[in-house]
């Protein structure tokens, strides 16, 4: 007899809240509260248009209106559509390349964004669904957002993350590479929205949850490996290179550098996080170093540029001085490195007797793409192999134990239901049911219910 475990949840439907209109579109929300009408422009590719056919359903367009108007009864919200099928961020940044443009796009040589500017919108919602992936370029998205911000009356922006259409969930279309490309694009859109305080309708997370059975950006974690004991006041000495013993979704360590240790380690430590199927530990690297001449602490981040049919943008944070964080004498110092979901954190930490150097003077949060894979952390340094005694896991002033741990999903994750392949993409050699829209790269009502509507309804649209 099969017994359902006590921790088995009901079937998942919503992701954790990703947006509040009052927080992420405060000017538009204030106008609604005052009874002033607002204009919302929806732009993007075919699944954001108003077009309906055998293969296209206006899923986002219809459901976004219903959600916003239901949350603000009695208020006037004018929705205007400026989406064009077959397009991506590159075209929004310039001109449409559609064979046939919609009637409102009456001059094919005119910039697409100018048609949006004409409307003086209060909010612009942008989504390119499955048209991004490997073609996505972070610089292009930033260019679009910069141009929107330069409008005479800059609109508030809500991003809808990239997501795979139905067949990209099956084995029929090079699934792993396509899925990773979509995850890469969505991670960068999500990163920018979090960093800049933009609205976010995270369709990517909703689809991952229902197709894969879990949400890697919001899964319950349990500590599965902890460094305890120690050699120096509870610290644990680390010989380099050091490889973390478990693959993990969450990882955190507080590090102590012995006086003179920076010089021995070549004045730079590399935290290789890895996490991608084909890249090993070179997938993501955080470099933390000390400039010998000045003692200035710096950091740098690189994620690999990989080939997924085309190249996916890498995330590169150039060598950046940590403001106010200087260790002029190569003395004792401490800092923390942690990652959870797609967020990488570097934070100064007060080492005993050195609070002037490290008293929480600096922190940086870097969002990096996960591609739906766990980390496999490794620590190296510029000097190569270094014996234990220069770098330590720092001890906790509370209990004396070294502070380093990794975390993975607890058992509840393994009982989250996911959609079966027939549910996701139908049956037969050419799928024509399930998430696909006639089997030619669009979305069905089922995907709209399980993923797009779920992401929209996860947001708080009330003013």
Protein backbone atom coordinates (compact mmCIF):
# COMPACT_ATOMS: atom_id res chain seq x y z
CA UNK A 1 0.00 0.00 0.00
CA UNK A 2 1.29 3.45 -0.89
CA UNK A 3 1.00 6.01 1.89
CA UNK A 4 1.15 9.70 1.02
CA UNK A 5 3.74 11.32 3.33
CA UNK A 6 2.51 13.85 5.84
CA UNK A 7 4.53 16.65 4.22
CA UNK A 8 3.11 16.15 0.71
CA UNK A 9 1.63 19.52 -0.33
CA UNK A 10 -1.42 20.14 -2.43
CA UNK A 11 -0.69 20.53 -6.15
CA UNK A 12 1.34 23.72 -6.66
CA UNK A 13 -0.23 26.56 -8.54
CA UNK A 14 1.35 29.87 -7.68
CA UNK A 15 4.94 30.89 -7.27
CA UNK A 16 5.94 33.15 -4.40
CA UNK A 17 4.85 36.74 -4.91
CA UNK A 18 7.01 38.45 -7.49
CA UNK A 19 5.51 41.91 -7.79
CA UNK A 20 3.33 44.46 -6.04
CA UNK A 21 1.87 47.23 -8.20
CA UNK A 22 2.07 49.68 -5.31
CA UNK A 23 5.76 48.95 -4.77
CA UNK A 24 6.98 48.43 -8.34
CA UNK A 25 4.75 50.92 -10.17
CA UNK A 26 4.16 53.49 -7.43
CA UNK A 27 3.36 56.45 -9.73
CA UNK A 28 0.68 54.53 -11.61
CA UNK A 29 -0.69 53.09 -8.37
CA UNK A 30 -0.96 56.59 -6.87
CA UNK A 31 -2.90 57.80 -9.93
CA UNK A 32 -5.33 54.89 -9.61
CA UNK A 33 -5.91 55.59 -5.92
CA UNK A 34 -6.64 59.22 -6.83
CA UNK A 35 -9.18 58.11 -9.44
CA UNK A 36 -7.03 59.17 -12.40
CA UNK A 37 -7.14 56.88 -15.46
CA UNK A 38 -3.90 55.16 -16.47
CA UNK A 39 -2.66 53.66 -19.72
CA UNK A 40 -0.93 50.28 -19.80
CA UNK A 41 0.91 49.19 -22.94
CA UNK A 42 1.63 45.48 -23.47
CA UNK A 43 4.43 44.80 -25.94
CA UNK A 44 6.41 41.76 -27.00
CA UNK A 45 5.97 38.83 -29.37
CA UNK A 46 3.00 36.81 -30.65
CA UNK A 47 1.72 35.46 -27.34
CA UNK A 48 1.49 39.04 -26.06
CA UNK A 49 -0.55 40.25 -29.04
CA UNK A 50 -4.34 40.33 -29.35
CA UNK A 51 -4.19 37.85 -32.22
CA UNK A 52 -6.09 34.56 -32.05
CA UNK A 53 -5.60 31.68 -34.48
CA UNK A 54 -5.25 27.92 -34.50
CA UNK A 55 -1.73 28.28 -33.15
CA UNK A 56 -1.80 31.54 -31.16
CA UNK A 57 -3.86 32.47 -28.12
CA UNK A 58 -3.70 35.96 -26.53
CA UNK A 59 -3.01 34.39 -23.16
CA UNK A 60 -1.04 37.13 -21.44
CA UNK A 61 -3.01 40.02 -22.97
CA UNK A 62 -6.35 38.75 -21.68
CA UNK A 63 -5.27 37.51 -18.28
CA UNK A 64 -3.18 40.58 -17.35
CA UNK A 65 -6.18 42.84 -18.00
CA UNK A 66 -8.49 40.66 -15.95
CA UNK A 67 -6.07 40.55 -13.03
CA UNK A 68 -5.36 44.30 -12.92
CA UNK A 69 -8.98 45.38 -13.40
CA UNK A 70 -10.30 42.87 -10.86
CA UNK A 71 -7.80 44.17 -8.28
CA UNK A 72 -8.85 47.80 -8.88
CA UNK A 73 -12.64 47.87 -9.20
CA UNK A 74 -14.14 51.13 -10.34
CA UNK A 75 -10.82 52.42 -11.68
CA UNK A 76 -10.16 53.26 -15.34
CA UNK A 77 -7.27 51.24 -16.79
CA UNK A 78 -6.80 51.55 -20.54
CA UNK A 79 -4.86 48.67 -22.06
CA UNK A 80 -3.23 49.22 -25.47
CA UNK A 81 -1.44 46.48 -27.36
CA UNK A 82 1.84 47.16 -29.15
CA UNK A 83 3.13 43.59 -29.54
CA UNK A 84 4.27 42.07 -32.86
CA UNK A 85 4.58 38.37 -33.63
CA UNK A 86 7.98 36.84 -34.29
CA UNK A 87 9.97 39.62 -32.64
CA UNK A 88 12.53 39.83 -29.83
CA UNK A 89 14.35 42.46 -27.74
CA UNK A 90 16.60 43.38 -30.69
CA UNK A 91 13.63 44.48 -32.77
CA UNK A 92 12.02 46.39 -29.90
CA UNK A 93 15.31 48.26 -29.65
CA UNK A 94 15.14 49.20 -33.35
CA UNK A 95 12.43 48.42 -35.92
CA UNK A 96 10.11 45.49 -36.57
CA UNK A 97 11.30 42.91 -39.08
CA UNK A 98 7.88 41.26 -39.43
CA UNK A 99 6.78 40.36 -42.95
CA UNK A 100 3.40 41.95 -42.19
CA UNK A 101 3.15 44.55 -39.44
CA UNK A 102 -0.01 45.32 -37.49
CA UNK A 103 -2.06 48.27 -38.71
CA UNK A 104 -0.77 50.61 -36.02
CA UNK A 105 2.80 50.11 -37.28
CA UNK A 106 2.16 52.21 -40.38
CA UNK A 107 5.76 53.25 -41.11
CA UNK A 108 8.14 50.25 -41.17
CA UNK A 109 11.19 52.55 -40.98
CA UNK A 110 10.01 54.12 -37.71
CA UNK A 111 11.42 52.86 -34.42
CA UNK A 112 9.07 50.50 -32.58
CA UNK A 113 9.52 52.34 -29.27
CA UNK A 114 8.26 55.57 -30.82
CA UNK A 115 4.85 53.96 -31.35
CA UNK A 116 4.82 53.28 -27.61
CA UNK A 117 6.04 56.78 -26.77
CA UNK A 118 3.13 58.24 -28.75
CA UNK A 119 0.73 56.77 -26.18
CA UNK A 120 2.44 58.36 -23.13
CA UNK A 121 1.84 55.16 -21.14
CA UNK A 122 1.98 54.95 -17.37
CA UNK A 123 3.10 51.30 -17.44
CA UNK A 124 4.81 49.25 -20.14
CA UNK A 125 4.72 45.45 -19.82
CA UNK A 126 7.34 43.68 -21.95
CA UNK A 127 7.50 39.96 -22.73
CA UNK A 128 9.19 37.93 -25.44
CA UNK A 129 8.37 34.41 -24.24
CA UNK A 130 10.28 31.82 -26.29
CA UNK A 131 11.73 34.25 -28.85
CA UNK A 132 14.73 35.07 -26.65
CA UNK A 133 16.75 32.12 -25.41
CA UNK A 134 20.12 31.93 -27.08
CA UNK A 135 19.42 35.14 -29.03
CA UNK A 136 19.01 37.19 -25.85
CA UNK A 137 21.51 40.00 -25.22
CA UNK A 138 21.56 41.79 -21.89
CA UNK A 139 22.93 44.96 -23.52
CA UNK A 140 19.94 45.08 -25.87
CA UNK A 141 17.44 44.85 -23.02
CA UNK A 142 19.29 47.58 -21.12
CA UNK A 143 19.22 49.74 -24.26
CA UNK A 144 15.44 49.38 -24.51
CA UNK A 145 14.94 50.21 -20.84
CA UNK A 146 17.27 53.21 -21.11
CA UNK A 147 15.27 54.57 -24.03
CA UNK A 148 12.00 54.11 -22.13
CA UNK A 149 13.50 56.00 -19.18
CA UNK A 150 14.36 58.87 -21.55
CA UNK A 151 10.73 59.44 -22.55
CA UNK A 152 9.36 62.86 -21.62
CA UNK A 153 7.06 61.01 -19.21
CA UNK A 154 8.98 57.80 -18.40
CA UNK A 155 6.69 54.83 -17.89
CA UNK A 156 7.10 52.31 -15.11
CA UNK A 157 8.19 48.93 -16.48
CA UNK A 158 7.05 45.38 -15.76
CA UNK A 159 9.10 42.55 -17.27
CA UNK A 160 7.63 39.14 -18.10
CA UNK A 161 10.44 36.59 -18.09
CA UNK A 162 11.34 34.44 -21.07
CA UNK A 163 9.85 30.96 -21.08
CA UNK A 164 9.91 27.89 -23.30
CA UNK A 165 6.92 26.96 -25.43
CA UNK A 166 5.50 23.49 -25.24
CA UNK A 167 7.74 21.47 -27.52
CA UNK A 168 10.82 22.85 -25.79
CA UNK A 169 9.85 20.79 -22.76
CA UNK A 170 9.94 17.56 -24.72
CA UNK A 171 12.69 15.48 -26.21
CA UNK A 172 11.75 16.65 -29.69
CA UNK A 173 13.70 19.91 -29.85
CA UNK A 174 17.12 19.55 -28.21
CA UNK A 175 15.50 20.12 -24.86
CA UNK A 176 18.47 20.60 -22.54
CA UNK A 177 20.13 23.29 -24.62
CA UNK A 178 16.91 25.14 -25.39
CA UNK A 179 15.80 24.97 -21.76
CA UNK A 180 19.15 26.30 -20.53
CA UNK A 181 19.05 29.14 -23.06
CA UNK A 182 15.59 30.18 -21.85
CA UNK A 183 16.73 29.94 -18.23
CA UNK A 184 19.71 32.17 -19.07
CA UNK A 185 17.54 34.86 -20.63
CA UNK A 186 15.00 34.70 -17.79
CA UNK A 187 17.75 34.92 -15.17
CA UNK A 188 19.08 38.12 -16.68
CA UNK A 189 15.61 39.66 -16.96
CA UNK A 190 14.91 38.65 -13.36
CA UNK A 191 18.30 40.00 -12.25
CA UNK A 192 17.69 43.39 -13.80
CA UNK A 193 14.17 43.67 -12.40
CA UNK A 194 15.39 42.87 -8.88
CA UNK A 195 18.37 45.20 -9.15
CA UNK A 196 16.38 48.13 -10.52
CA UNK A 197 13.10 47.67 -8.68
CA UNK A 198 11.07 46.90 -11.80
CA UNK A 199 7.88 44.89 -11.82
CA UNK A 200 8.26 41.20 -12.65
CA UNK A 201 5.79 38.61 -13.90
CA UNK A 202 7.95 35.51 -13.63
CA UNK A 203 6.38 33.14 -16.15
CA UNK A 204 9.71 31.29 -16.35
CA UNK A 205 9.53 30.21 -12.71
CA UNK A 206 5.88 29.25 -13.00
CA UNK A 207 6.56 27.05 -16.01
CA UNK A 208 9.61 25.46 -14.39
CA UNK A 209 7.54 24.67 -11.31
CA UNK A 210 4.77 22.93 -13.22
CA UNK A 211 6.91 21.20 -15.81
CA UNK A 212 9.79 20.09 -13.57
CA UNK A 213 7.99 19.79 -10.26
CA UNK A 214 9.98 22.38 -8.33
CA UNK A 215 11.02 26.02 -8.42
CA UNK A 216 14.81 26.31 -8.07
CA UNK A 217 14.52 29.95 -7.03
CA UNK A 218 12.14 29.24 -4.18
CA UNK A 219 12.53 25.70 -2.88
CA UNK A 220 12.76 24.82 0.80
CA UNK A 221 16.37 24.10 1.71
CA UNK A 222 17.91 22.11 4.54
CA UNK A 223 21.50 22.22 5.64
CA UNK A 224 23.17 19.06 4.37
CA UNK A 225 26.84 19.69 5.10
CA UNK A 226 28.39 21.81 7.83
CA UNK A 227 32.01 22.46 8.73
CA UNK A 228 32.45 22.07 12.49
CA UNK A 229 35.35 21.92 14.91
CA UNK A 230 38.46 23.94 14.15
CA UNK A 231 42.15 24.50 14.65
CA UNK A 232 42.56 28.19 15.50
CA UNK A 233 39.90 29.60 17.83
CA UNK A 234 37.31 27.43 16.14
CA UNK A 235 38.56 28.17 12.62
CA UNK A 236 39.13 25.40 10.07
CA UNK A 237 42.22 25.69 7.87
CA UNK A 238 41.66 25.21 4.13
CA UNK A 239 44.32 23.94 1.74
CA UNK A 240 43.83 25.23 -1.80
CA UNK A 241 42.38 24.18 -4.10
CA UNK A 242 39.37 23.11 -2.01
CA UNK A 243 36.29 21.43 -3.51
CA UNK A 244 33.04 21.44 -1.59
CA UNK A 245 31.97 17.83 -0.88
CA UNK A 246 28.39 18.16 -2.11
CA UNK A 247 26.56 19.69 -5.05
CA UNK A 248 24.10 22.15 -3.61
CA UNK A 249 21.41 24.73 -4.28
CA UNK A 250 22.54 26.97 -1.43
CA UNK A 251 26.06 27.61 -0.14
CA UNK A 252 27.57 29.94 2.45
CA UNK A 253 30.97 30.42 4.06
CA UNK A 254 32.66 32.96 6.31
CA UNK A 255 36.38 33.15 5.49
CA UNK A 256 39.36 34.33 7.54
CA UNK A 257 42.61 35.31 5.80
CA UNK A 258 45.67 34.98 8.03
CA UNK A 259 48.00 37.97 8.25
CA UNK A 260 50.29 37.78 5.20
CA UNK A 261 47.95 35.26 3.57
CA UNK A 262 46.99 37.44 0.63
CA UNK A 263 50.58 37.56 -0.59
CA UNK A 264 51.01 33.78 -0.24
CA UNK A 265 47.80 33.16 -2.22
CA UNK A 266 48.84 35.50 -5.04
CA UNK A 267 46.56 38.30 -3.79
CA UNK A 268 43.42 36.75 -5.31
CA UNK A 269 40.99 34.00 -4.30
CA UNK A 270 38.58 32.49 -6.84
CA UNK A 271 35.25 31.03 -5.81
CA UNK A 272 34.25 28.73 -8.66
CA UNK A 273 30.58 27.92 -8.30
CA UNK A 274 29.98 25.87 -11.44
CA UNK A 275 26.51 24.46 -11.85
CA UNK A 276 26.03 23.88 -15.58
CA UNK A 277 25.79 20.56 -17.35
CA UNK A 278 28.65 21.14 -19.77
CA UNK A 279 30.87 23.65 -17.99
CA UNK A 280 32.01 22.13 -14.72
CA UNK A 281 33.37 24.64 -12.25
CA UNK A 282 34.07 27.31 -14.86
CA UNK A 283 30.39 28.16 -15.09
CA UNK A 284 30.57 31.04 -12.59
CA UNK A 285 33.57 32.56 -10.88
CA UNK A 286 33.69 35.22 -8.16
CA UNK A 287 37.18 36.66 -7.75
CA UNK A 288 38.03 38.43 -4.49
CA UNK A 289 41.45 40.04 -4.28
CA UNK A 290 43.73 42.62 -2.70
CA UNK A 291 45.78 45.20 -4.63
CA UNK A 292 49.23 44.98 -2.95
CA UNK A 293 50.23 48.61 -3.48
CA UNK A 294 47.17 50.06 -1.78
CA UNK A 295 45.55 47.21 0.13
CA UNK A 296 42.30 47.88 -1.72
CA UNK A 297 39.95 44.88 -1.74
CA UNK A 298 38.21 44.22 -5.07
CA UNK A 299 35.88 41.71 -6.70
CA UNK A 300 35.06 40.51 -10.20
CA UNK A 301 32.44 38.09 -11.56
CA UNK A 302 32.33 36.07 -14.76
CA UNK A 303 29.86 33.50 -15.99
CA UNK A 304 30.82 31.52 -19.04
CA UNK A 305 29.64 32.44 -22.50
CA UNK A 306 28.47 29.14 -23.84
CA UNK A 307 27.23 27.87 -27.16
CA UNK A 308 23.57 26.89 -27.25
CA UNK A 309 23.13 26.98 -30.99
CA UNK A 310 24.10 30.64 -30.62
CA UNK A 311 26.00 32.22 -27.76
CA UNK A 312 24.17 33.18 -24.60
CA UNK A 313 25.22 36.42 -22.97
CA UNK A 314 27.62 35.97 -20.12
CA UNK A 315 27.32 38.00 -16.95
CA UNK A 316 30.48 40.00 -16.38
CA UNK A 317 31.04 42.34 -13.47
CA UNK A 318 34.40 44.02 -14.20
CA UNK A 319 37.08 44.37 -11.55
CA UNK A 320 35.45 46.65 -9.00
CA UNK A 321 37.03 48.24 -5.92
CA UNK A 322 35.07 47.54 -2.74
CA UNK A 323 34.37 51.04 -1.50
CA UNK A 324 35.87 51.69 1.94
CA UNK A 325 37.28 48.18 2.28
CA UNK A 326 41.07 48.46 2.52
CA UNK A 327 43.64 46.18 4.17
CA UNK A 328 46.85 48.21 3.79
CA UNK A 329 49.12 45.88 5.77
CA UNK A 330 47.90 42.44 4.61
CA UNK A 331 46.65 41.88 8.13
CA UNK A 332 44.01 39.47 9.39
CA UNK A 333 40.63 39.94 7.74
CA UNK A 334 37.32 38.15 7.18
CA UNK A 335 34.49 38.13 4.63
CA UNK A 336 31.48 36.06 3.63
CA UNK A 337 30.55 34.49 0.31
CA UNK A 338 27.13 32.91 -0.15
CA UNK A 339 24.73 31.96 -2.91
CA UNK A 340 21.06 31.12 -2.77
CA UNK A 341 18.92 30.69 -5.83
CA UNK A 342 20.63 32.90 -8.41
CA UNK A 343 21.89 35.50 -5.92
CA UNK A 344 25.60 35.69 -5.13
CA UNK A 345 26.59 37.77 -2.08
CA UNK A 346 29.99 39.14 -1.01
CA UNK A 347 30.07 40.83 2.41
CA UNK A 348 32.86 42.14 4.61
CA UNK A 349 32.84 40.55 8.07
CA UNK A 350 34.43 41.82 11.30
CA UNK A 351 37.50 39.75 12.15
CA UNK A 352 38.58 39.74 15.77
CA UNK A 353 40.79 42.74 16.44
CA UNK A 354 40.26 44.13 12.94
CA UNK A 355 36.84 45.72 13.11
CA UNK A 356 38.19 48.94 11.64
CA UNK A 357 38.99 47.03 8.43
CA UNK A 358 36.00 44.74 8.14
CA UNK A 359 33.15 46.14 10.23
CA UNK A 360 30.45 45.49 7.64
CA UNK A 361 31.93 48.21 5.46
CA UNK A 362 31.02 46.64 2.11
CA UNK A 363 28.54 44.30 0.47
CA UNK A 364 27.65 43.35 -3.10
CA UNK A 365 24.76 41.28 -4.46
CA UNK A 366 25.21 39.83 -7.95
CA UNK A 367 22.42 37.95 -9.71
CA UNK A 368 23.73 35.17 -11.93
CA UNK A 369 21.91 32.68 -14.21
CA UNK A 370 21.39 29.21 -12.79
CA UNK A 371 20.16 27.31 -15.84
CA UNK A 372 18.15 25.10 -13.49
CA UNK A 373 21.26 23.36 -12.10
CA UNK A 374 22.82 23.07 -8.62
CA UNK A 375 26.20 24.56 -7.70
CA UNK A 376 29.40 22.56 -7.24
CA UNK A 377 31.56 25.05 -5.28
CA UNK A 378 35.37 25.09 -5.44
CA UNK A 379 37.92 27.53 -4.00
CA UNK A 380 41.18 28.26 -5.81
CA UNK A 381 43.71 31.08 -5.73
CA UNK A 382 46.07 32.91 -8.06
CA UNK A 383 49.10 31.12 -6.58
CA UNK A 384 47.70 27.67 -7.39
CA UNK A 385 48.39 25.08 -4.68
CA UNK A 386 48.66 26.58 -1.18
CA UNK A 387 49.05 24.60 2.04
CA UNK A 388 46.55 25.00 4.86
CA UNK A 389 47.24 27.93 7.16
CA UNK A 390 46.53 31.00 5.04
CA UNK A 391 42.77 30.72 4.50
CA UNK A 392 40.27 29.46 7.07
CA UNK A 393 36.59 28.94 7.53
CA UNK A 394 35.89 31.58 10.17
CA UNK A 395 34.43 30.66 13.55
CA UNK A 396 31.20 32.01 14.93
CA UNK A 397 31.52 34.30 17.96
CA UNK A 398 28.33 32.73 19.28
CA UNK A 399 29.17 29.04 19.40
CA UNK A 400 32.81 28.83 18.28
CA UNK A 401 32.06 26.56 15.34
CA UNK A 402 33.31 27.34 11.88
CA UNK A 403 30.65 28.90 9.70
CA UNK A 404 30.37 27.14 6.37
CA UNK A 405 27.48 25.09 5.08
CA UNK A 406 25.64 23.94 1.98
CA UNK A 407 21.93 23.38 1.59
CA UNK A 408 19.75 21.27 -0.65
CA UNK A 409 15.99 20.80 -0.97
CA UNK A 410 14.33 19.00 1.89
CA UNK A 411 12.26 15.91 1.22
CA UNK A 412 9.10 17.85 0.45
CA UNK A 413 10.56 18.87 -2.90
CA UNK A 414 10.55 15.30 -4.12
CA UNK A 415 6.80 15.05 -3.64
CA UNK A 416 5.88 18.16 -5.59
CA UNK A 417 3.80 16.95 -8.52
CA UNK A 418 4.87 17.88 -12.03
CA UNK A 419 3.10 17.64 -15.34
CA UNK A 420 3.61 14.49 -17.35
CA UNK A 421 4.92 14.70 -20.88
CA UNK A 422 1.47 14.22 -22.50
CA UNK A 423 0.14 17.01 -20.30
CA UNK A 424 3.03 19.27 -21.26
CA UNK A 425 3.17 18.74 -24.98
CA UNK A 426 0.58 16.30 -26.13
CA UNK A 427 0.96 12.94 -27.83
CA UNK A 428 2.27 11.73 -31.15
CA UNK A 429 5.28 12.62 -33.25
CA UNK A 430 3.95 16.14 -33.79
CA UNK A 431 2.25 17.34 -30.60
CA UNK A 432 -1.09 19.04 -31.09
CA UNK A 433 -2.45 19.16 -27.59
CA UNK A 434 -1.18 19.98 -24.13
CA UNK A 435 0.89 23.12 -23.80
CA UNK A 436 1.48 23.60 -27.49
CA UNK A 437 -0.74 25.66 -29.76
CA UNK A 438 -1.31 23.32 -32.66
CA UNK A 439 2.20 21.95 -32.33
CA UNK A 440 3.99 24.82 -34.00
CA UNK A 441 5.67 26.71 -31.22
CA UNK A 442 2.93 28.54 -29.37
CA UNK A 443 0.97 28.08 -26.19
CA UNK A 444 -2.30 26.34 -25.41
CA UNK A 445 -4.99 27.20 -22.90
CA UNK A 446 -3.51 24.55 -20.60
CA UNK A 447 -0.18 26.36 -20.47
CA UNK A 448 -2.06 29.59 -19.97
CA UNK A 449 -3.80 28.13 -16.94
CA UNK A 450 -0.83 26.34 -15.38
CA UNK A 451 1.90 28.83 -16.11
CA UNK A 452 0.97 32.25 -17.46
CA UNK A 453 -2.15 32.76 -15.37
CA UNK A 454 -0.37 31.33 -12.32
CA UNK A 455 2.48 33.85 -12.71
CA UNK A 456 0.09 36.78 -13.23
CA UNK A 457 -2.03 35.80 -10.24
CA UNK A 458 1.08 35.46 -8.08
CA UNK A 459 1.44 39.24 -8.31
CA UNK A 460 -0.41 41.85 -6.27
CA UNK A 461 -2.04 44.15 -8.83
CA UNK A 462 -3.94 46.33 -6.39
CA UNK A 463 -3.06 50.00 -6.13
